[in-house]
Amino acid sequence: MAIAAVAFSTWALLTLPLQGAVILVVASVLGWSGWLTFSDVRPVRSRKVIATYP
């Protein structure tokens, strides 16, 4: 997720006007930090295992 945020931010800063790029970069950082915060708070623990082979 961090790699995607960095790649998107790089693209935005190189191709878009500065004001729009800054807004998108800040939104990307906030989205990544929110994802990191909430995915660590409530990890998914499945009791069922799905077999990937027959």
Protein backbone atom coordinates (compact mmCIF):
# COMPACT_ATOMS: atom_id res chain seq x y z
CA MET A 1 0.00 0.00 0.00
CA ALA A 2 2.85 2.37 0.79
CA ILE A 3 4.43 1.64 -2.59
CA ALA A 4 1.16 2.47 -4.35
CA ALA A 5 0.86 5.73 -2.37
CA VAL A 6 4.43 6.73 -3.23
CA ALA A 7 3.97 5.86 -6.91
CA PHE A 8 0.72 7.81 -7.11
CA SER A 9 2.22 10.79 -5.28
CA THR A 10 5.22 10.81 -7.62
CA TRP A 11 2.97 10.73 -10.65
CA ALA A 12 0.77 13.50 -9.26
CA LEU A 13 3.71 15.76 -8.43
CA LEU A 14 5.30 15.27 -11.84
CA THR A 15 2.23 15.70 -14.03
CA LEU A 16 -0.40 17.81 -12.25
CA PRO A 17 -0.37 21.46 -11.17
CA LEU A 18 1.16 21.90 -7.73
CA GLN A 19 -2.03 22.78 -5.84
CA GLY A 20 -3.94 19.73 -7.12
CA ALA A 21 -0.93 17.47 -6.60
CA VAL A 22 -0.51 18.57 -2.99
CA ILE A 23 -4.17 17.83 -2.25
CA LEU A 24 -3.86 14.35 -3.77
CA VAL A 25 -0.58 13.63 -1.98
CA VAL A 26 -2.06 14.62 1.39
CA ALA A 27 -5.13 12.49 0.70
CA SER A 28 -2.90 9.57 -0.23
CA VAL A 29 -0.88 9.88 2.98
CA LEU A 30 -4.03 10.15 5.10
CA GLY A 31 -5.57 7.16 3.36
CA TRP A 32 -2.47 5.05 3.87
CA SER A 33 -2.16 6.00 7.54
CA GLY A 34 -5.86 5.30 8.13
CA TRP A 35 -5.59 1.92 6.42
CA LEU A 36 -2.54 1.07 8.52
CA THR A 37 -4.22 2.19 11.74
CA PHE A 38 -7.50 0.35 11.28
CA SER A 39 -6.10 -2.82 9.73
CA ASP A 40 -3.83 -3.32 12.74
CA VAL A 41 -6.58 -2.64 15.27
CA ARG A 42 -8.96 -5.34 13.99
CA PRO A 43 -7.05 -8.03 12.09
CA VAL A 44 -9.16 -10.60 10.29
CA ARG A 45 -8.95 -14.03 11.85
CA SER A 46 -10.75 -16.67 9.90
CA ARG A 47 -11.46 -20.02 11.52
CA LYS A 48 -12.20 -21.60 8.18
CA VAL A 49 -9.47 -22.52 5.76
CA ILE A 50 -10.29 -22.69 2.08
CA ALA A 51 -8.31 -25.39 0.28
CA THR A 52 -6.76 -24.15 -2.93
CA TYR A 53 -6.21 -27.66 -4.26
CA PRO A 54 -8.74 -30.45 -4.98
